[in-house]
Amino acid sequence: NYYYFEIDGHRPRAEYILVRDKIYLTHT
């Protein structure tokens, strides 16, 4: 449950929770 980029061996990310038909972005 996270979106991310691969950059120079690092992984910046945006975490989420998917509940039914909604998405909650919880942490970047």
Full PDB file with SEQRES, HELIX, SHEET, SSBOND, CRYST1, ORIGX, SCALE, CONECT and MASTER records, all heavy atoms in Angstrom:
SEQRES   1 A   28  ASN TYR TYR TYR PHE GLU ILE ASP GLY HIS ARG PRO ARG          
SEQRES   2 A   28  ALA GLU TYR ILE LEU VAL ARG ASP LYS ILE TYR LEU THR          
SEQRES   3 A   28  HIS THR                                                      
SHEET    1 AA1 3 TYR A   2  TYR A   4  0                                        
SHEET    2 AA1 3 ARG A  13  VAL A  19 -1                                        
SHEET    3 AA1 3 LYS A  22  HIS A  27 -1                                        
CRYST1    1.000    1.000    1.000  90.00  90.00  90.00 P 1           1          
ORIGX1      1.000000  0.000000  0.000000        0.00000                         
ORIGX2      0.000000  1.000000  0.000000        0.00000                         
ORIGX3      0.000000  0.000000  1.000000        0.00000                         
SCALE1      1.000000  0.000000  0.000000        0.00000                         
SCALE2      0.000000  1.000000  0.000000        0.00000                         
SCALE3      0.000000  0.000000  1.000000        0.00000                         
ATOM      1  N   ASN A   1       0.789  -1.234   0.000  1.00  0.00           N  
ATOM      2  CA  ASN A   1       0.000   0.000   0.000  1.00  0.00           C  
ATOM      3  C   ASN A   1       0.822   1.285   0.000  1.00  0.00           C  
ATOM      4  O   ASN A   1       0.650   2.147   0.858  1.00  0.00           O  
ATOM      5  CB  ASN A   1      -0.995   0.019   1.173  1.00  0.00           C  
ATOM      6  CG  ASN A   1      -2.012  -1.086   1.063  1.00  0.00           C  
ATOM      7  OD1 ASN A   1      -2.416  -1.465  -0.031  1.00  0.00           O  
ATOM      8  ND2 ASN A   1      -2.419  -1.615   2.184  1.00  0.00           N  
ATOM      9  N   TYR A   2       1.700   1.402  -0.985  1.00  0.00           N  
ATOM     10  CA  TYR A   2       2.344   2.696  -1.170  1.00  0.00           C  
ATOM     11  C   TYR A   2       2.756   2.900  -2.621  1.00  0.00           C  
ATOM     12  O   TYR A   2       3.087   1.980  -3.340  1.00  0.00           O  
ATOM     13  CB  TYR A   2       3.551   2.887  -0.226  1.00  0.00           C  
ATOM     14  CG  TYR A   2       4.718   1.948  -0.420  1.00  0.00           C  
ATOM     15  CD1 TYR A   2       5.735   2.239  -1.334  1.00  0.00           C  
ATOM     16  CD2 TYR A   2       4.834   0.792   0.335  1.00  0.00           C  
ATOM     17  CE1 TYR A   2       6.826   1.391  -1.491  1.00  0.00           C  
ATOM     18  CE2 TYR A   2       5.918  -0.058   0.190  1.00  0.00           C  
ATOM     19  CZ  TYR A   2       6.911   0.249  -0.727  1.00  0.00           C  
ATOM     20  OH  TYR A   2       7.986  -0.588  -0.889  1.00  0.00           O  
ATOM     21  N   TYR A   3       2.660   4.172  -3.024  1.00  0.00           N  
ATOM     22  CA  TYR A   3       3.192   4.625  -4.302  1.00  0.00           C  
ATOM     23  C   TYR A   3       4.633   5.033  -4.056  1.00  0.00           C  
ATOM     24  O   TYR A   3       4.974   5.497  -2.962  1.00  0.00           O  
ATOM     25  CB  TYR A   3       2.434   5.861  -4.786  1.00  0.00           C  
ATOM     26  CG  TYR A   3       1.036   5.628  -5.264  1.00  0.00           C  
ATOM     27  CD1 TYR A   3      -0.054   5.829  -4.427  1.00  0.00           C  
ATOM     28  CD2 TYR A   3       0.793   5.254  -6.586  1.00  0.00           C  
ATOM     29  CE1 TYR A   3      -1.352   5.652  -4.886  1.00  0.00           C  
ATOM     30  CE2 TYR A   3      -0.501   5.079  -7.048  1.00  0.00           C  
ATOM     31  CZ  TYR A   3      -1.569   5.283  -6.195  1.00  0.00           C  
ATOM     32  OH  TYR A   3      -2.848   5.110  -6.654  1.00  0.00           O  
ATOM     33  N   TYR A   4       5.476   4.932  -5.072  1.00  0.00           N  
ATOM     34  CA  TYR A   4       6.867   5.318  -4.864  1.00  0.00           C  
ATOM     35  C   TYR A   4       7.584   5.591  -6.176  1.00  0.00           C  
ATOM     36  O   TYR A   4       7.106   5.266  -7.257  1.00  0.00           O  
ATOM     37  CB  TYR A   4       7.611   4.230  -4.084  1.00  0.00           C  
ATOM     38  CG  TYR A   4       7.758   2.911  -4.823  1.00  0.00           C  
ATOM     39  CD1 TYR A   4       8.955   2.572  -5.440  1.00  0.00           C  
ATOM     40  CD2 TYR A   4       6.712   1.997  -4.899  1.00  0.00           C  
ATOM     41  CE1 TYR A   4       9.100   1.364  -6.108  1.00  0.00           C  
ATOM     42  CE2 TYR A   4       6.845   0.795  -5.559  1.00  0.00           C  
ATOM     43  CZ  TYR A   4       8.045   0.484  -6.163  1.00  0.00           C  
ATOM     44  OH  TYR A   4       8.172  -0.705  -6.838  1.00  0.00           O  
ATOM     45  N   PHE A   5       8.750   6.225  -6.035  1.00  0.00           N  
ATOM     46  CA  PHE A   5       9.727   6.388  -7.109  1.00  0.00           C  
ATOM     47  C   PHE A   5      10.967   5.599  -6.707  1.00  0.00           C  
ATOM     48  O   PHE A   5      11.259   5.475  -5.518  1.00  0.00           O  
ATOM     49  CB  PHE A   5      10.168   7.853  -7.262  1.00  0.00           C  
ATOM     50  CG  PHE A   5       9.125   8.816  -7.743  1.00  0.00           C  
ATOM     51  CD1 PHE A   5       9.130  10.123  -7.263  1.00  0.00           C  
ATOM     52  CD2 PHE A   5       8.169   8.471  -8.674  1.00  0.00           C  
ATOM     53  CE1 PHE A   5       8.209  11.043  -7.706  1.00  0.00           C  
ATOM     54  CE2 PHE A   5       7.231   9.384  -9.124  1.00  0.00           C  
ATOM     55  CZ  PHE A   5       7.256  10.682  -8.637  1.00  0.00           C  
ATOM     56  N   GLU A   6      11.703   5.102  -7.677  1.00  0.00           N  
ATOM     57  CA  GLU A   6      13.038   4.534  -7.458  1.00  0.00           C  
ATOM     58  C   GLU A   6      14.029   5.590  -7.933  1.00  0.00           C  
ATOM     59  O   GLU A   6      14.090   5.897  -9.127  1.00  0.00           O  
ATOM     60  CB  GLU A   6      13.238   3.255  -8.271  1.00  0.00           C  
ATOM     61  CG  GLU A   6      12.552   2.042  -7.728  1.00  0.00           C  
ATOM     62  CD  GLU A   6      13.262   1.427  -6.520  1.00  0.00           C  
ATOM     63  OE1 GLU A   6      14.416   1.806  -6.210  1.00  0.00           O  
ATOM     64  OE2 GLU A   6      12.644   0.573  -5.884  1.00  0.00           O  
ATOM     65  N   ILE A   7      14.794   6.174  -6.991  1.00  0.00           N  
ATOM     66  CA  ILE A   7      15.747   7.223  -7.350  1.00  0.00           C  
ATOM     67  C   ILE A   7      17.071   6.936  -6.645  1.00  0.00           C  
ATOM     68  O   ILE A   7      17.159   7.014  -5.418  1.00  0.00           O  
ATOM     69  CB  ILE A   7      15.238   8.620  -6.938  1.00  0.00           C  
ATOM     70  CG1 ILE A   7      13.880   8.912  -7.580  1.00  0.00           C  
ATOM     71  CG2 ILE A   7      16.260   9.697  -7.316  1.00  0.00           C  
ATOM     72  CD1 ILE A   7      13.231  10.182  -7.077  1.00  0.00           C  
ATOM     73  N   ASP A   8      18.086   6.619  -7.427  1.00  0.00           N  
ATOM     74  CA  ASP A   8      19.441   6.403  -6.889  1.00  0.00           C  
ATOM     75  C   ASP A   8      19.448   5.472  -5.677  1.00  0.00           C  
ATOM     76  O   ASP A   8      20.096   5.755  -4.663  1.00  0.00           O  
ATOM     77  CB  ASP A   8      20.087   7.748  -6.517  1.00  0.00           C  
ATOM     78  CG  ASP A   8      20.229   8.669  -7.725  1.00  0.00           C  
ATOM     79  OD1 ASP A   8      20.406   8.154  -8.842  1.00  0.00           O  
ATOM     80  OD2 ASP A   8      20.150   9.896  -7.541  1.00  0.00           O  
ATOM     81  N   GLY A   9      18.705   4.384  -5.749  1.00  0.00           N  
ATOM     82  CA  GLY A   9      18.671   3.412  -4.665  1.00  0.00           C  
ATOM     83  C   GLY A   9      17.772   3.810  -3.505  1.00  0.00           C  
ATOM     84  O   GLY A   9      17.714   3.109  -2.497  1.00  0.00           O  
ATOM     85  N   HIS A  10      17.070   4.921  -3.626  1.00  0.00           N  
ATOM     86  CA  HIS A  10      16.151   5.380  -2.580  1.00  0.00           C  
ATOM     87  C   HIS A  10      14.718   5.238  -3.072  1.00  0.00           C  
ATOM     88  O   HIS A  10      14.460   5.158  -4.270  1.00  0.00           O  
ATOM     89  CB  HIS A  10      16.434   6.840  -2.210  1.00  0.00           C  
ATOM     90  CG  HIS A  10      17.811   7.058  -1.690  1.00  0.00           C  
ATOM     91  ND1 HIS A  10      18.212   6.657  -0.436  1.00  0.00           N  
ATOM     92  CD2 HIS A  10      18.901   7.617  -2.276  1.00  0.00           C  
ATOM     93  CE1 HIS A  10      19.481   6.975  -0.262  1.00  0.00           C  
ATOM     94  NE2 HIS A  10      19.928   7.547  -1.377  1.00  0.00           N  
ATOM     95  N   ARG A  11      13.800   5.232  -2.122  1.00  0.00           N  
ATOM     96  CA  ARG A  11      12.406   5.006  -2.456  1.00  0.00           C  
ATOM     97  C   ARG A  11      11.492   6.012  -1.750  1.00  0.00           C  
ATOM     98  O   ARG A  11      10.850   5.693  -0.754  1.00  0.00           O  
ATOM     99  CB  ARG A  11      12.041   3.594  -2.026  1.00  0.00           C  
ATOM    100  CG  ARG A  11      10.973   2.958  -2.879  1.00  0.00           C  
ATOM    101  CD  ARG A  11      10.768   1.526  -2.462  1.00  0.00           C  
ATOM    102  NE  ARG A  11      11.234   0.665  -3.527  1.00  0.00           N  
ATOM    103  CZ  ARG A  11      10.864  -0.585  -3.687  1.00  0.00           C  
ATOM    104  NH1 ARG A  11      10.050  -1.146  -2.832  1.00  0.00           N  
ATOM    105  NH2 ARG A  11      11.312  -1.288  -4.683  1.00  0.00           N  
ATOM    106  N   PRO A  12      11.412   7.259  -2.254  1.00  0.00           N  
ATOM    107  CA  PRO A  12      10.422   8.179  -1.703  1.00  0.00           C  
ATOM    108  C   PRO A  12       9.042   7.585  -1.934  1.00  0.00           C  
ATOM    109  O   PRO A  12       8.793   6.984  -2.986  1.00  0.00           O  
ATOM    110  CB  PRO A  12      10.630   9.468  -2.495  1.00  0.00           C  
ATOM    111  CG  PRO A  12      11.471   9.114  -3.663  1.00  0.00           C  
ATOM    112  CD  PRO A  12      12.158   7.831  -3.373  1.00  0.00           C  
ATOM    113  N   ARG A  13       8.154   7.747  -0.937  1.00  0.00           N  
ATOM    114  CA  ARG A  13       6.867   7.059  -1.065  1.00  0.00           C  
ATOM    115  C   ARG A  13       5.717   7.849  -0.454  1.00  0.00           C  
ATOM    116  O   ARG A  13       5.902   8.696   0.402  1.00  0.00           O  
ATOM    117  CB  ARG A  13       6.949   5.685  -0.444  1.00  0.00           C  
ATOM    118  CG  ARG A  13       7.077   5.681   1.061  1.00  0.00           C  
ATOM    119  CD  ARG A  13       7.122   4.247   1.585  1.00  0.00           C  
ATOM    120  NE  ARG A  13       7.135   4.213   3.025  1.00  0.00           N  
ATOM    121  CZ  ARG A  13       8.227   4.123   3.768  1.00  0.00           C  
ATOM    122  NH1 ARG A  13       9.398   4.059   3.183  1.00  0.00           N  
ATOM    123  NH2 ARG A  13       8.149   4.102   5.074  1.00  0.00           N  
ATOM    124  N   ALA A  14       4.537   7.482  -0.907  1.00  0.00           N  
ATOM    125  CA  ALA A  14       3.277   7.993  -0.369  1.00  0.00           C  
ATOM    126  C   ALA A  14       2.442   6.771  -0.001  1.00  0.00           C  
ATOM    127  O   ALA A  14       2.051   5.995  -0.867  1.00  0.00           O  
ATOM    128  CB  ALA A  14       2.550   8.859  -1.392  1.00  0.00           C  
ATOM    129  N   GLU A  15       2.203   6.621   1.291  1.00  0.00           N  
ATOM    130  CA  GLU A  15       1.474   5.451   1.789  1.00  0.00           C  
ATOM    131  C   GLU A  15      -0.031   5.708   1.744  1.00  0.00           C  
ATOM    132  O   GLU A  15      -0.479   6.848   1.899  1.00  0.00           O  
ATOM    133  CB  GLU A  15       1.927   5.138   3.210  1.00  0.00           C  
ATOM    134  CG  GLU A  15       3.413   4.813   3.276  1.00  0.00           C  
ATOM    135  CD  GLU A  15       3.938   4.709   4.699  1.00  0.00           C  
ATOM    136  OE1 GLU A  15       3.159   4.819   5.671  1.00  0.00           O  
ATOM    137  OE2 GLU A  15       5.162   4.503   4.837  1.00  0.00           O  
ATOM    138  N   TYR A  16      -0.777   4.635   1.565  1.00  0.00           N  
ATOM    139  CA  TYR A  16      -2.233   4.776   1.470  1.00  0.00           C  
ATOM    140  C   TYR A  16      -2.951   3.580   2.076  1.00  0.00           C  
ATOM    141  O   TYR A  16      -2.375   2.522   2.309  1.00  0.00           O  
ATOM    142  CB  TYR A  16      -2.670   4.974   0.024  1.00  0.00           C  
ATOM    143  CG  TYR A  16      -2.399   3.801  -0.899  1.00  0.00           C  
ATOM    144  CD1 TYR A  16      -3.312   2.753  -1.012  1.00  0.00           C  
ATOM    145  CD2 TYR A  16      -1.246   3.736  -1.668  1.00  0.00           C  
ATOM    146  CE1 TYR A  16      -3.078   1.675  -1.861  1.00  0.00           C  
ATOM    147  CE2 TYR A  16      -0.990   2.675  -2.520  1.00  0.00           C  
ATOM    148  CZ  TYR A  16      -1.913   1.650  -2.613  1.00  0.00           C  
ATOM    149  OH  TYR A  16      -1.679   0.595  -3.453  1.00  0.00           O  
ATOM    150  N   ILE A  17      -4.241   3.815   2.312  1.00  0.00           N  
ATOM    151  CA  ILE A  17      -5.160   2.751   2.708  1.00  0.00           C  
ATOM    152  C   ILE A  17      -6.311   2.812   1.718  1.00  0.00           C  
ATOM    153  O   ILE A  17      -6.865   3.882   1.468  1.00  0.00           O  
ATOM    154  CB  ILE A  17      -5.689   2.957   4.144  1.00  0.00           C  
ATOM    155  CG1 ILE A  17      -4.543   2.957   5.153  1.00  0.00           C  
ATOM    156  CG2 ILE A  17      -6.716   1.891   4.494  1.00  0.00           C  
ATOM    157  CD1 ILE A  17      -4.945   3.422   6.543  1.00  0.00           C  
ATOM    158  N   LEU A  18      -6.646   1.690   1.156  1.00  0.00           N  
ATOM    159  CA  LEU A  18      -7.770   1.591   0.224  1.00  0.00           C  
ATOM    160  C   LEU A  18      -8.906   0.888   0.941  1.00  0.00           C  
ATOM    161  O   LEU A  18      -8.755  -0.253   1.375  1.00  0.00           O  
ATOM    162  CB  LEU A  18      -7.321   0.801  -1.008  1.00  0.00           C  
ATOM    163  CG  LEU A  18      -8.141   0.891  -2.275  1.00  0.00           C  
ATOM    164  CD1 LEU A  18      -8.328   2.334  -2.722  1.00  0.00           C  
ATOM    165  CD2 LEU A  18      -7.470   0.093  -3.371  1.00  0.00           C  
ATOM    166  N   VAL A  19     -10.022   1.593   1.118  1.00  0.00           N  
ATOM    167  CA  VAL A  19     -11.176   1.027   1.809  1.00  0.00           C  
ATOM    168  C   VAL A  19     -12.392   1.202   0.904  1.00  0.00           C  
ATOM    169  O   VAL A  19     -12.773   2.325   0.576  1.00  0.00           O  
ATOM    170  CB  VAL A  19     -11.433   1.729   3.167  1.00  0.00           C  
ATOM    171  CG1 VAL A  19     -12.642   1.141   3.854  1.00  0.00           C  
ATOM    172  CG2 VAL A  19     -10.215   1.616   4.061  1.00  0.00           C  
ATOM    173  N   ARG A  20     -12.957   0.075   0.538  1.00  0.00           N  
ATOM    174  CA  ARG A  20     -14.079   0.046  -0.402  1.00  0.00           C  
ATOM    175  C   ARG A  20     -13.763   0.901  -1.624  1.00  0.00           C  
ATOM    176  O   ARG A  20     -12.868   0.598  -2.372  1.00  0.00           O  
ATOM    177  CB  ARG A  20     -15.371   0.460   0.291  1.00  0.00           C  
ATOM    178  CG  ARG A  20     -15.870  -0.635   1.214  1.00  0.00           C  
ATOM    179  CD  ARG A  20     -17.192  -0.272   1.893  1.00  0.00           C  
ATOM    180  NE  ARG A  20     -17.047  -0.604   3.306  1.00  0.00           N  
ATOM    181  CZ  ARG A  20     -16.989   0.272   4.289  1.00  0.00           C  
ATOM    182  NH1 ARG A  20     -17.111   1.536   4.057  1.00  0.00           N  
ATOM    183  NH2 ARG A  20     -16.840  -0.113   5.526  1.00  0.00           N  
ATOM    184  N   ASP A  21     -14.457   2.009  -1.785  1.00  0.00           N  
ATOM    185  CA  ASP A  21     -14.277   2.826  -2.982  1.00  0.00           C  
ATOM    186  C   ASP A  21     -13.521   4.116  -2.691  1.00  0.00           C  
ATOM    187  O   ASP A  21     -13.562   5.049  -3.487  1.00  0.00           O  
ATOM    188  CB  ASP A  21     -15.633   3.149  -3.594  1.00  0.00           C  
ATOM    189  CG  ASP A  21     -16.482   4.028  -2.676  1.00  0.00           C  
ATOM    190  OD1 ASP A  21     -16.235   4.025  -1.445  1.00  0.00           O  
ATOM    191  OD2 ASP A  21     -17.379   4.718  -3.182  1.00  0.00           O  
ATOM    192  N   LYS A  22     -12.818   4.206  -1.558  1.00  0.00           N  
ATOM    193  CA  LYS A  22     -12.097   5.433  -1.201  1.00  0.00           C  
ATOM    194  C   LYS A  22     -10.630   5.127  -0.938  1.00  0.00           C  
ATOM    195  O   LYS A  22     -10.274   4.043  -0.509  1.00  0.00           O  
ATOM    196  CB  LYS A  22     -12.714   6.074   0.052  1.00  0.00           C  
ATOM    197  CG  LYS A  22     -14.128   6.538  -0.167  1.00  0.00           C  
ATOM    198  CD  LYS A  22     -14.697   7.178   1.080  1.00  0.00           C  
ATOM    199  CE  LYS A  22     -16.159   7.514   0.818  1.00  0.00           C  
ATOM    200  NZ  LYS A  22     -16.776   8.144   1.972  1.00  0.00           N  
ATOM    201  N   ILE A  23      -9.792   6.156  -1.180  1.00  0.00           N  
ATOM    202  CA  ILE A  23      -8.375   6.024  -0.877  1.00  0.00           C  
ATOM    203  C   ILE A  23      -7.995   7.087   0.150  1.00  0.00           C  
ATOM    204  O   ILE A  23      -8.402   8.240   0.054  1.00  0.00           O  
ATOM    205  CB  ILE A  23      -7.501   6.118  -2.146  1.00  0.00           C  
ATOM    206  CG1 ILE A  23      -6.056   5.754  -1.833  1.00  0.00           C  
ATOM    207  CG2 ILE A  23      -7.625   7.468  -2.826  1.00  0.00           C  
ATOM    208  CD1 ILE A  23      -5.194   5.453  -3.043  1.00  0.00           C  
ATOM    209  N   TYR A  24      -7.240   6.655   1.150  1.00  0.00           N  
ATOM    210  CA  TYR A  24      -6.747   7.535   2.208  1.00  0.00           C  
ATOM    211  C   TYR A  24      -5.237   7.626   2.047  1.00  0.00           C  
ATOM    212  O   TYR A  24      -4.550   6.601   2.129  1.00  0.00           O  
ATOM    213  CB  TYR A  24      -7.061   6.949   3.585  1.00  0.00           C  
ATOM    214  CG  TYR A  24      -8.529   6.780   3.888  1.00  0.00           C  
ATOM    215  CD1 TYR A  24      -9.274   5.766   3.293  1.00  0.00           C  
ATOM    216  CD2 TYR A  24      -9.163   7.632   4.784  1.00  0.00           C  
ATOM    217  CE1 TYR A  24     -10.628   5.613   3.575  1.00  0.00           C  
ATOM    218  CE2 TYR A  24     -10.517   7.477   5.082  1.00  0.00           C  
ATOM    219  CZ  TYR A  24     -11.238   6.465   4.466  1.00  0.00           C  
ATOM    220  OH  TYR A  24     -12.579   6.312   4.751  1.00  0.00           O  
ATOM    221  N   LEU A  25      -4.710   8.821   1.772  1.00  0.00           N  
ATOM    222  CA  LEU A  25      -3.262   8.999   1.754  1.00  0.00           C  
ATOM    223  C   LEU A  25      -2.838   9.325   3.179  1.00  0.00           C  
ATOM    224  O   LEU A  25      -3.294  10.309   3.763  1.00  0.00           O  
ATOM    225  CB  LEU A  25      -2.857  10.109   0.787  1.00  0.00           C  
ATOM    226  CG  LEU A  25      -3.038   9.764  -0.694  1.00  0.00           C  
ATOM    227  CD1 LEU A  25      -2.684  10.947  -1.579  1.00  0.00           C  
ATOM    228  CD2 LEU A  25      -2.213   8.555  -1.081  1.00  0.00           C  
ATOM    229  N   THR A  26      -1.999   8.472   3.753  1.00  0.00           N  
ATOM    230  CA  THR A  26      -1.712   8.550   5.180  1.00  0.00           C  
ATOM    231  C   THR A  26      -0.341   9.123   5.518  1.00  0.00           C  
ATOM    232  O   THR A  26      -0.153   9.657   6.610  1.00  0.00           O  
ATOM    233  CB  THR A  26      -1.815   7.152   5.816  1.00  0.00           C  
ATOM    234  OG1 THR A  26      -0.881   6.275   5.165  1.00  0.00           O  
ATOM    235  CG2 THR A  26      -3.217   6.597   5.681  1.00  0.00           C  
ATOM    236  N   HIS A  27       0.626   9.016   4.606  1.00  0.00           N  
ATOM    237  CA  HIS A  27       1.990   9.433   4.953  1.00  0.00           C  
ATOM    238  C   HIS A  27       2.803   9.613   3.677  1.00  0.00           C  
ATOM    239  O   HIS A  27       2.702   8.802   2.755  1.00  0.00           O  
ATOM    240  CB  HIS A  27       2.633   8.357   5.833  1.00  0.00           C  
ATOM    241  CG  HIS A  27       4.036   8.659   6.248  1.00  0.00           C  
ATOM    242  ND1 HIS A  27       4.344   9.659   7.142  1.00  0.00           N  
ATOM    243  CD2 HIS A  27       5.215   8.087   5.899  1.00  0.00           C  
ATOM    244  CE1 HIS A  27       5.664   9.676   7.319  1.00  0.00           C  
ATOM    245  NE2 HIS A  27       6.209   8.744   6.577  1.00  0.00           N  
ATOM    246  N   THR A  28       3.589  10.676   3.637  1.00  0.00           N  
ATOM    247  CA  THR A  28       4.517  10.905   2.532  1.00  0.00           C  
ATOM    248  C   THR A  28       5.911  11.016   3.123  1.00  0.00           C  
ATOM    249  O   THR A  28       6.101  11.702   4.125  1.00  0.00           O  
ATOM    250  CB  THR A  28       4.164  12.213   1.785  1.00  0.00           C  
ATOM    251  OG1 THR A  28       2.822  12.124   1.315  1.00  0.00           O  
ATOM    252  CG2 THR A  28       5.087  12.442   0.605  1.00  0.00           C  
TER     253      THR A  28                                                      
MASTER        0    0    0    0    3    0    0    6  252    1    0    3          
END                                                                             
